[in-house]
PDB file of all heavy atoms in Angstrom:
ATOM      1  N   ILE A   1      98.869  86.704  76.164  1.00  0.00           N
ATOM      2  CA  ILE A   1     100.248  86.234  76.130  1.00  0.00           C
ATOM      3  C   ILE A   1     100.781  86.173  77.555  1.00  0.00           C
ATOM      4  O   ILE A   1     100.564  87.090  78.349  1.00  0.00           O
ATOM      5  CB  ILE A   1     101.118  87.136  75.227  1.00  0.00           C
ATOM      6  CG1 ILE A   1     102.532  86.567  75.084  1.00  0.00           C
ATOM      7  CG2 ILE A   1     101.152  88.575  75.744  1.00  0.00           C
ATOM      8  CD1 ILE A   1     103.338  87.245  73.983  1.00  0.00           C
ATOM      9  N   ARG A   2     101.469  85.081  77.884  1.00  0.00           N
ATOM     10  CA  ARG A   2     102.052  84.913  79.200  1.00  0.00           C
ATOM     11  C   ARG A   2     103.353  85.683  79.316  1.00  0.00           C
ATOM     12  O   ARG A   2     104.059  85.902  78.320  1.00  0.00           O
ATOM     13  CB  ARG A   2     102.285  83.431  79.497  1.00  0.00           C
ATOM     14  CG  ARG A   2     101.002  82.631  79.581  1.00  0.00           C
ATOM     15  CD  ARG A   2     101.270  81.168  79.815  1.00  0.00           C
ATOM     16  NE  ARG A   2     101.868  80.908  81.120  1.00  0.00           N
ATOM     17  CZ  ARG A   2     102.061  79.702  81.633  1.00  0.00           C
ATOM     18  NH1 ARG A   2     101.689  78.630  80.949  1.00  0.00           N
ATOM     19  NH2 ARG A   2     102.618  79.564  82.828  1.00  0.00           N
ATOM     20  N   GLY A   3     103.689  86.066  80.546  1.00  0.00           N
ATOM     21  CA  GLY A   3     104.891  86.843  80.767  1.00  0.00           C
ATOM     22  C   GLY A   3     106.151  86.029  80.927  1.00  0.00           C
ATOM     23  O   GLY A   3     107.225  86.459  80.504  1.00  0.00           O
ATOM     24  N   ASN A   4     106.050  84.845  81.528  1.00  0.00           N
ATOM     25  CA  ASN A   4     107.226  84.068  81.883  1.00  0.00           C
ATOM     26  C   ASN A   4     107.664  83.063  80.831  1.00  0.00           C
ATOM     27  O   ASN A   4     108.834  82.688  80.791  1.00  0.00           O
ATOM     28  CB  ASN A   4     106.989  83.328  83.198  1.00  0.00           C
ATOM     29  CG  ASN A   4     106.870  84.269  84.374  1.00  0.00           C
ATOM     30  OD1 ASN A   4     107.533  85.315  84.417  1.00  0.00           O
ATOM     31  ND2 ASN A   4     106.037  83.915  85.329  1.00  0.00           N
ATOM     32  N   VAL A   5     106.735  82.606  80.028  1.00  0.00           N
ATOM     33  CA  VAL A   5     107.039  81.630  78.988  1.00  0.00           C
ATOM     34  C   VAL A   5     106.431  82.087  77.676  1.00  0.00           C
ATOM     35  O   VAL A   5     105.511  82.905  77.644  1.00  0.00           O
ATOM     36  CB  VAL A   5     106.537  80.216  79.339  1.00  0.00           C
ATOM     37  CG1 VAL A   5     107.230  79.709  80.591  1.00  0.00           C
ATOM     38  CG2 VAL A   5     105.032  80.214  79.523  1.00  0.00           C
ATOM     39  N   ASP A   6     106.926  81.545  76.588  1.00  0.00           N
ATOM     40  CA  ASP A   6     106.470  81.914  75.261  1.00  0.00           C
ATOM     41  C   ASP A   6     105.243  81.089  74.902  1.00  0.00           C
ATOM     42  O   ASP A   6     105.341  80.067  74.208  1.00  0.00           O
ATOM     43  CB  ASP A   6     107.585  81.698  74.247  1.00  0.00           C
ATOM     44  CG  ASP A   6     107.231  82.214  72.864  1.00  0.00           C
ATOM     45  OD1 ASP A   6     106.281  83.018  72.750  1.00  0.00           O
ATOM     46  OD2 ASP A   6     107.905  81.819  71.894  1.00  0.00           O
ATOM     47  N   ARG A   7     104.085  81.544  75.384  1.00  0.00           N
ATOM     48  CA  ARG A   7     102.840  80.872  75.061  1.00  0.00           C
ATOM     49  C   ARG A   7     101.738  81.898  74.883  1.00  0.00           C
ATOM     50  O   ARG A   7     101.635  82.837  75.673  1.00  0.00           O
ATOM     51  CB  ARG A   7     102.456  79.871  76.148  1.00  0.00           C
ATOM     52  CG  ARG A   7     101.233  79.048  75.792  1.00  0.00           C
ATOM     53  CD  ARG A   7     101.013  77.909  76.747  1.00  0.00           C
ATOM     54  NE  ARG A   7      99.862  77.115  76.354  1.00  0.00           N
ATOM     55  CZ  ARG A   7      99.440  76.037  76.990  1.00  0.00           C
ATOM     56  NH1 ARG A   7     100.082  75.619  78.076  1.00  0.00           N
ATOM     57  NH2 ARG A   7      98.382  75.380  76.549  1.00  0.00           N
ATOM     58  N   THR A   8     100.929  81.707  73.854  1.00  0.00           N
ATOM     59  CA  THR A   8      99.834  82.609  73.550  1.00  0.00           C
ATOM     60  C   THR A   8      98.517  81.852  73.505  1.00  0.00           C
ATOM     61  O   THR A   8      98.480  80.628  73.345  1.00  0.00           O
ATOM     62  CB  THR A   8     100.057  83.326  72.215  1.00  0.00           C
ATOM     63  OG1 THR A   8     100.242  82.358  71.177  1.00  0.00           O
ATOM     64  CG2 THR A   8     101.284  84.219  72.286  1.00  0.00           C
ATOM     65  N   TYR A   9      97.413  82.594  73.624  1.00  0.00           N
ATOM     66  CA  TYR A   9      96.074  82.037  73.622  1.00  0.00           C
ATOM     67  C   TYR A   9      95.202  82.902  72.720  1.00  0.00           C
ATOM     68  O   TYR A   9      95.318  84.125  72.722  1.00  0.00           O
ATOM     69  CB  TYR A   9      95.480  82.016  75.030  1.00  0.00           C
ATOM     70  CG  TYR A   9      96.331  81.306  76.056  1.00  0.00           C
ATOM     71  CD1 TYR A   9      97.373  81.972  76.696  1.00  0.00           C
ATOM     72  CD2 TYR A   9      96.088  79.982  76.390  1.00  0.00           C
ATOM     73  CE1 TYR A   9      98.154  81.330  77.638  1.00  0.00           C
ATOM     74  CE2 TYR A   9      96.865  79.334  77.330  1.00  0.00           C
ATOM     75  CZ  TYR A   9      97.895  80.003  77.952  1.00  0.00           C
ATOM     76  OH  TYR A   9      98.663  79.358  78.890  1.00  0.00           O
ATOM     77  N   TYR A  10      94.300  82.267  71.967  1.00  0.00           N
ATOM     78  CA  TYR A  10      93.438  82.984  71.040  1.00  0.00           C
ATOM     79  C   TYR A  10      92.022  82.427  71.089  1.00  0.00           C
ATOM     80  O   TYR A  10      91.814  81.236  71.300  1.00  0.00           O
ATOM     81  CB  TYR A  10      93.950  82.876  69.610  1.00  0.00           C
ATOM     82  CG  TYR A  10      95.299  83.502  69.403  1.00  0.00           C
ATOM     83  CD1 TYR A  10      96.457  82.734  69.472  1.00  0.00           C
ATOM     84  CD2 TYR A  10      95.428  84.859  69.137  1.00  0.00           C
ATOM     85  CE1 TYR A  10      97.703  83.307  69.290  1.00  0.00           C
ATOM     86  CE2 TYR A  10      96.671  85.439  68.953  1.00  0.00           C
ATOM     87  CZ  TYR A  10      97.806  84.658  69.029  1.00  0.00           C
ATOM     88  OH  TYR A  10      99.040  85.235  68.848  1.00  0.00           O
ATOM     89  N   SER A  11      91.061  83.297  70.861  1.00  0.00           N
ATOM     90  CA  SER A  11      89.701  82.836  70.680  1.00  0.00           C
ATOM     91  C   SER A  11      89.576  82.153  69.325  1.00  0.00           C
ATOM     92  O   SER A  11      90.343  82.425  68.397  1.00  0.00           O
ATOM     93  CB  SER A  11      88.717  84.000  70.777  1.00  0.00           C
ATOM     94  OG  SER A  11      88.859  84.875  69.674  1.00  0.00           O
ATOM     95  N   ASP A  12      88.593  81.279  69.208  1.00  0.00           N
ATOM     96  CA  ASP A  12      88.401  80.561  67.952  1.00  0.00           C
ATOM     97  C   ASP A  12      88.096  81.505  66.791  1.00  0.00           C
ATOM     98  O   ASP A  12      88.464  81.234  65.645  1.00  0.00           O
ATOM     99  CB  ASP A  12      87.271  79.540  68.090  1.00  0.00           C
ATOM    100  CG  ASP A  12      87.641  78.376  68.984  1.00  0.00           C
ATOM    101  OD1 ASP A  12      88.844  78.133  69.187  1.00  0.00           O
ATOM    102  OD2 ASP A  12      86.717  77.692  69.470  1.00  0.00           O
ATOM    103  N   SER A  13      87.445  82.618  67.075  1.00  0.00           N
ATOM    104  CA  SER A  13      87.030  83.529  66.022  1.00  0.00           C
ATOM    105  C   SER A  13      88.189  84.287  65.378  1.00  0.00           C
ATOM    106  O   SER A  13      88.045  84.787  64.255  1.00  0.00           O
ATOM    107  CB  SER A  13      85.994  84.526  66.551  1.00  0.00           C
ATOM    108  OG  SER A  13      86.544  85.335  67.571  1.00  0.00           O
ATOM    109  N   VAL A  14      89.331  84.387  66.059  1.00  0.00           N
ATOM    110  CA  VAL A  14      90.457  85.150  65.517  1.00  0.00           C
ATOM    111  C   VAL A  14      91.697  84.296  65.277  1.00  0.00           C
ATOM    112  O   VAL A  14      92.657  84.784  64.660  1.00  0.00           O
ATOM    113  CB  VAL A  14      90.829  86.340  66.423  1.00  0.00           C
ATOM    114  CG1 VAL A  14      89.611  87.198  66.714  1.00  0.00           C
ATOM    115  CG2 VAL A  14      91.487  85.869  67.718  1.00  0.00           C
ATOM    116  N   LYS A  15      91.694  83.066  65.733  1.00  0.00           N
ATOM    117  CA  LYS A  15      92.863  82.212  65.592  1.00  0.00           C
ATOM    118  C   LYS A  15      93.235  82.047  64.118  1.00  0.00           C
ATOM    119  O   LYS A  15      92.389  81.766  63.285  1.00  0.00           O
ATOM    120  CB  LYS A  15      92.600  80.848  66.222  1.00  0.00           C
ATOM    121  CG  LYS A  15      93.831  79.971  66.328  1.00  0.00           C
ATOM    122  CD  LYS A  15      93.531  78.699  67.100  1.00  0.00           C
ATOM    123  CE  LYS A  15      94.778  77.858  67.281  1.00  0.00           C
ATOM    124  NZ  LYS A  15      94.495  76.628  68.062  1.00  0.00           N
ATOM    125  N   GLY A  16      94.513  82.245  63.824  1.00  0.00           N
ATOM    126  CA  GLY A  16      94.986  82.185  62.454  1.00  0.00           C
ATOM    127  C   GLY A  16      94.984  83.514  61.740  1.00  0.00           C
ATOM    128  O   GLY A  16      95.621  83.640  60.679  1.00  0.00           O
ATOM    129  N   ARG A  17      94.289  84.505  62.277  1.00  0.00           N
ATOM    130  CA  ARG A  17      94.231  85.834  61.675  1.00  0.00           C
ATOM    131  C   ARG A  17      94.928  86.894  62.528  1.00  0.00           C
ATOM    132  O   ARG A  17      95.537  87.813  61.988  1.00  0.00           O
ATOM    133  CB  ARG A  17      92.782  86.261  61.446  1.00  0.00           C
ATOM    134  CG  ARG A  17      92.006  85.357  60.503  1.00  0.00           C
ATOM    135  CD  ARG A  17      90.640  85.946  60.177  1.00  0.00           C
ATOM    136  NE  ARG A  17      89.802  86.101  61.365  1.00  0.00           N
ATOM    137  CZ  ARG A  17      89.280  87.254  61.781  1.00  0.00           C
ATOM    138  NH1 ARG A  17      89.510  88.370  61.101  1.00  0.00           N
ATOM    139  NH2 ARG A  17      88.520  87.298  62.864  1.00  0.00           N
ATOM    140  N   PHE A  18      94.798  86.780  63.842  1.00  0.00           N
ATOM    141  CA  PHE A  18      95.379  87.753  64.766  1.00  0.00           C
ATOM    142  C   PHE A  18      96.587  87.147  65.462  1.00  0.00           C
ATOM    143  O   PHE A  18      96.666  85.929  65.651  1.00  0.00           O
ATOM    144  CB  PHE A  18      94.366  88.165  65.837  1.00  0.00           C
ATOM    145  CG  PHE A  18      93.192  88.955  65.350  1.00  0.00           C
ATOM    146  CD1 PHE A  18      92.938  89.136  63.999  1.00  0.00           C
ATOM    147  CD2 PHE A  18      92.323  89.528  66.264  1.00  0.00           C
ATOM    148  CE1 PHE A  18      91.848  89.864  63.555  1.00  0.00           C
ATOM    149  CE2 PHE A  18      91.226  90.261  65.841  1.00  0.00           C
ATOM    150  CZ  PHE A  18      90.989  90.429  64.490  1.00  0.00           C
ATOM    151  N   SER A  19      97.512  87.991  65.886  1.00  0.00           N
ATOM    152  CA  SER A  19      98.632  87.542  66.695  1.00  0.00           C
ATOM    153  C   SER A  19      98.978  88.595  67.738  1.00  0.00           C
ATOM    154  O   SER A  19      98.942  89.796  67.458  1.00  0.00           O
ATOM    155  CB  SER A  19      99.851  87.213  65.828  1.00  0.00           C
ATOM    156  OG  SER A  19     100.316  88.368  65.143  1.00  0.00           O
ATOM    157  N   ILE A  20      99.309  88.132  68.932  1.00  0.00           N
ATOM    158  CA  ILE A  20      99.673  89.014  70.028  1.00  0.00           C
ATOM    159  C   ILE A  20     101.169  88.900  70.277  1.00  0.00           C
ATOM    160  O   ILE A  20     101.750  87.822  70.161  1.00  0.00           O
ATOM    161  CB  ILE A  20      98.865  88.679  71.304  1.00  0.00           C
ATOM    162  CG1 ILE A  20      99.112  89.719  72.396  1.00  0.00           C
ATOM    163  CG2 ILE A  20      99.159  87.273  71.798  1.00  0.00           C
ATOM    164  CD1 ILE A  20      98.176  89.566  73.596  1.00  0.00           C
ATOM    165  N   SER A  21     101.799  90.015  70.619  1.00  0.00           N
ATOM    166  CA  SER A  21     103.226  90.030  70.898  1.00  0.00           C
ATOM    167  C   SER A  21     103.529  91.106  71.931  1.00  0.00           C
ATOM    168  O   SER A  21     102.692  91.969  72.206  1.00  0.00           O
ATOM    169  CB  SER A  21     104.034  90.268  69.613  1.00  0.00           C
ATOM    170  OG  SER A  21     103.713  91.526  69.043  1.00  0.00           O
ATOM    171  N   ARG A  22     104.727  91.047  72.496  1.00  0.00           N
ATOM    172  CA  ARG A  22     105.109  92.036  73.491  1.00  0.00           C
ATOM    173  C   ARG A  22     106.550  92.467  73.287  1.00  0.00           C
ATOM    174  O   ARG A  22     107.385  91.714  72.783  1.00  0.00           O
ATOM    175  CB  ARG A  22     104.906  91.493  74.905  1.00  0.00           C
ATOM    176  CG  ARG A  22     105.786  90.307  75.263  1.00  0.00           C
ATOM    177  CD  ARG A  22     105.273  89.613  76.519  1.00  0.00           C
ATOM    178  NE  ARG A  22     105.264  90.507  77.666  1.00  0.00           N
ATOM    179  CZ  ARG A  22     104.495  90.332  78.746  1.00  0.00           C
ATOM    180  NH1 ARG A  22     103.666  89.296  78.810  1.00  0.00           N
ATOM    181  NH2 ARG A  22     104.564  91.196  79.752  1.00  0.00           N
ATOM    182  N   ASP A  23     106.836  93.694  73.691  1.00  0.00           N
ATOM    183  CA  ASP A  23     108.180  94.246  73.635  1.00  0.00           C
ATOM    184  C   ASP A  23     108.487  94.786  75.024  1.00  0.00           C
ATOM    185  O   ASP A  23     108.064  95.887  75.382  1.00  0.00           O
ATOM    186  CB  ASP A  23     108.283  95.337  72.578  1.00  0.00           C
ATOM    187  CG  ASP A  23     109.698  95.851  72.398  1.00  0.00           C
ATOM    188  OD1 ASP A  23     110.550  95.604  73.269  1.00  0.00           O
ATOM    189  OD2 ASP A  23     109.963  96.511  71.374  1.00  0.00           O
ATOM    190  N   ASN A  24     109.216  94.017  75.812  1.00  0.00           N
ATOM    191  CA  ASN A  24     109.479  94.406  77.191  1.00  0.00           C
ATOM    192  C   ASN A  24     110.451  95.581  77.305  1.00  0.00           C
ATOM    193  O   ASN A  24     110.506  96.236  78.346  1.00  0.00           O
ATOM    194  CB  ASN A  24     110.020  93.213  77.983  1.00  0.00           C
ATOM    195  CG  ASN A  24     108.955  92.182  78.265  1.00  0.00           C
ATOM    196  OD1 ASN A  24     107.771  92.497  78.367  1.00  0.00           O
ATOM    197  ND2 ASN A  24     109.366  90.929  78.403  1.00  0.00           N
ATOM    198  N   THR A  25     111.216  95.856  76.249  1.00  0.00           N
ATOM    199  CA  THR A  25     112.107  97.011  76.279  1.00  0.00           C
ATOM    200  C   THR A  25     111.336  98.317  76.187  1.00  0.00           C
ATOM    201  O   THR A  25     111.838  99.364  76.600  1.00  0.00           O
ATOM    202  CB  THR A  25     113.141  96.948  75.148  1.00  0.00           C
ATOM    203  OG1 THR A  25     112.489  97.058  73.878  1.00  0.00           O
ATOM    204  CG2 THR A  25     113.912  95.646  75.202  1.00  0.00           C
ATOM    205  N   LYS A  26     110.122  98.268  75.653  1.00  0.00           N
ATOM    206  CA  LYS A  26     109.283  99.451  75.500  1.00  0.00           C
ATOM    207  C   LYS A  26     108.044  99.432  76.389  1.00  0.00           C
ATOM    208  O   LYS A  26     107.285 100.400  76.392  1.00  0.00           O
ATOM    209  CB  LYS A  26     108.842  99.605  74.048  1.00  0.00           C
ATOM    210  CG  LYS A  26     109.979  99.813  73.069  1.00  0.00           C
ATOM    211  CD  LYS A  26     109.446  99.972  71.657  1.00  0.00           C
ATOM    212  CE  LYS A  26     110.556 100.216  70.666  1.00  0.00           C
ATOM    213  NZ  LYS A  26     110.032 100.372  69.287  1.00  0.00           N
ATOM    214  N   ASN A  27     107.826  98.340  77.107  1.00  0.00           N
ATOM    215  CA  ASN A  27     106.614  98.164  77.905  1.00  0.00           C
ATOM    216  C   ASN A  27     105.359  98.306  77.041  1.00  0.00           C
ATOM    217  O   ASN A  27     104.397  98.988  77.416  1.00  0.00           O
ATOM    218  CB  ASN A  27     106.555  99.142  79.075  1.00  0.00           C
ATOM    219  CG  ASN A  27     107.216  98.612  80.325  1.00  0.00           C
ATOM    220  OD1 ASN A  27     107.593  97.440  80.407  1.00  0.00           O
ATOM    221  ND2 ASN A  27     107.369  99.472  81.316  1.00  0.00           N
ATOM    222  N   THR A  28     105.392  97.665  75.897  1.00  0.00           N
ATOM    223  CA  THR A  28     104.245  97.671  75.010  1.00  0.00           C
ATOM    224  C   THR A  28     103.891  96.247  74.603  1.00  0.00           C
ATOM    225  O   THR A  28     104.733  95.348  74.638  1.00  0.00           O
ATOM    226  CB  THR A  28     104.493  98.487  73.730  1.00  0.00           C
ATOM    227  OG1 THR A  28     105.588  97.925  73.006  1.00  0.00           O
ATOM    228  CG2 THR A  28     104.803  99.936  74.076  1.00  0.00           C
ATOM    229  N   PHE A  29     102.637  96.045  74.241  1.00  0.00           N
ATOM    230  CA  PHE A  29     102.249  94.807  73.595  1.00  0.00           C
ATOM    231  C   PHE A  29     101.238  95.119  72.505  1.00  0.00           C
ATOM    232  O   PHE A  29     100.458  96.066  72.610  1.00  0.00           O
ATOM    233  CB  PHE A  29     101.741  93.750  74.582  1.00  0.00           C
ATOM    234  CG  PHE A  29     100.501  94.107  75.353  1.00  0.00           C
ATOM    235  CD1 PHE A  29      99.273  93.568  75.005  1.00  0.00           C
ATOM    236  CD2 PHE A  29     100.561  94.942  76.457  1.00  0.00           C
ATOM    237  CE1 PHE A  29      98.135  93.857  75.732  1.00  0.00           C
ATOM    238  CE2 PHE A  29      99.431  95.241  77.193  1.00  0.00           C
ATOM    239  CZ  PHE A  29      98.218  94.696  76.828  1.00  0.00           C
ATOM    240  N   ASP A  30     101.297  94.328  71.450  1.00  0.00           N
ATOM    241  CA  ASP A  30     100.576  94.634  70.227  1.00  0.00           C
ATOM    242  C   ASP A  30      99.599  93.522  69.860  1.00  0.00           C
ATOM    243  O   ASP A  30      99.717  92.379  70.300  1.00  0.00           O
ATOM    244  CB  ASP A  30     101.543  94.822  69.065  1.00  0.00           C
ATOM    245  CG  ASP A  30     102.442  96.031  69.226  1.00  0.00           C
ATOM    246  OD1 ASP A  30     102.188  96.872  70.108  1.00  0.00           O
ATOM    247  OD2 ASP A  30     103.411  96.140  68.447  1.00  0.00           O
ATOM    248  N   LEU A  31      98.648  93.886  69.027  1.00  0.00           N
ATOM    249  CA  LEU A  31      97.744  92.923  68.414  1.00  0.00           C
ATOM    250  C   LEU A  31      97.766  93.178  66.914  1.00  0.00           C
ATOM    251  O   LEU A  31      97.261  94.202  66.454  1.00  0.00           O
ATOM    252  CB  LEU A  31      96.325  93.055  68.961  1.00  0.00           C
ATOM    253  CG  LEU A  31      95.323  92.039  68.421  1.00  0.00           C
ATOM    254  CD1 LEU A  31      95.635  90.642  68.967  1.00  0.00           C
ATOM    255  CD2 LEU A  31      93.894  92.436  68.783  1.00  0.00           C
ATOM    256  N   GLN A  32      98.374  92.265  66.173  1.00  0.00           N
ATOM    257  CA  GLN A  32      98.376  92.335  64.721  1.00  0.00           C
ATOM    258  C   GLN A  32      97.119  91.651  64.206  1.00  0.00           C
ATOM    259  O   GLN A  32      96.898  90.468  64.476  1.00  0.00           O
ATOM    260  CB  GLN A  32      99.616  91.660  64.149  1.00  0.00           C
ATOM    261  CG  GLN A  32      99.675  91.634  62.630  1.00  0.00           C
ATOM    262  CD  GLN A  32      99.803  93.007  62.022  1.00  0.00           C
ATOM    263  OE1 GLN A  32     100.581  93.831  62.502  1.00  0.00           O
ATOM    264  NE2 GLN A  32      99.039  93.278  60.972  1.00  0.00           N
ATOM    265  N   MET A  33      96.300  92.384  63.469  1.00  0.00           N
ATOM    266  CA  MET A  33      95.022  91.885  62.988  1.00  0.00           C
ATOM    267  C   MET A  33      95.055  91.836  61.465  1.00  0.00           C
ATOM    268  O   MET A  33      95.129  92.876  60.810  1.00  0.00           O
ATOM    269  CB  MET A  33      93.869  92.762  63.469  1.00  0.00           C
ATOM    270  CG  MET A  33      93.820  92.932  64.982  1.00  0.00           C
ATOM    271  SD  MET A  33      92.361  93.858  65.538  1.00  0.00           S
ATOM    272  CE  MET A  33      92.721  95.459  64.804  1.00  0.00           C
ATOM    273  N   ASN A  34      94.997  90.640  60.919  1.00  0.00           N
ATOM    274  CA  ASN A  34      95.001  90.429  59.477  1.00  0.00           C
ATOM    275  C   ASN A  34      93.665  89.858  59.024  1.00  0.00           C
ATOM    276  O   ASN A  34      92.900  89.315  59.817  1.00  0.00           O
ATOM    277  CB  ASN A  34      96.128  89.475  59.077  1.00  0.00           C
ATOM    278  CG  ASN A  34      97.499  89.997  59.428  1.00  0.00           C
ATOM    279  OD1 ASN A  34      97.757  91.202  59.368  1.00  0.00           O
ATOM    280  ND2 ASN A  34      98.407  89.095  59.786  1.00  0.00           N
ATOM    281  N   SER A  35      93.407  89.972  57.736  1.00  0.00           N
ATOM    282  CA  SER A  35      92.183  89.426  57.145  1.00  0.00           C
ATOM    283  C   SER A  35      90.946  89.851  57.925  1.00  0.00           C
ATOM    284  O   SER A  35      90.086  89.035  58.265  1.00  0.00           O
ATOM    285  CB  SER A  35      92.276  87.897  57.066  1.00  0.00           C
ATOM    286  OG  SER A  35      93.387  87.489  56.304  1.00  0.00           O
TER     287      SER A  35
END
């Protein structure tokens, strides 16, 4: 995930199942893994 703009990138093997996000108020970023 980029810091300055809202754009994400995924490998073909996880696209549609995983999502990356960030919370700058907590200095954390997450990976939600489904299916």
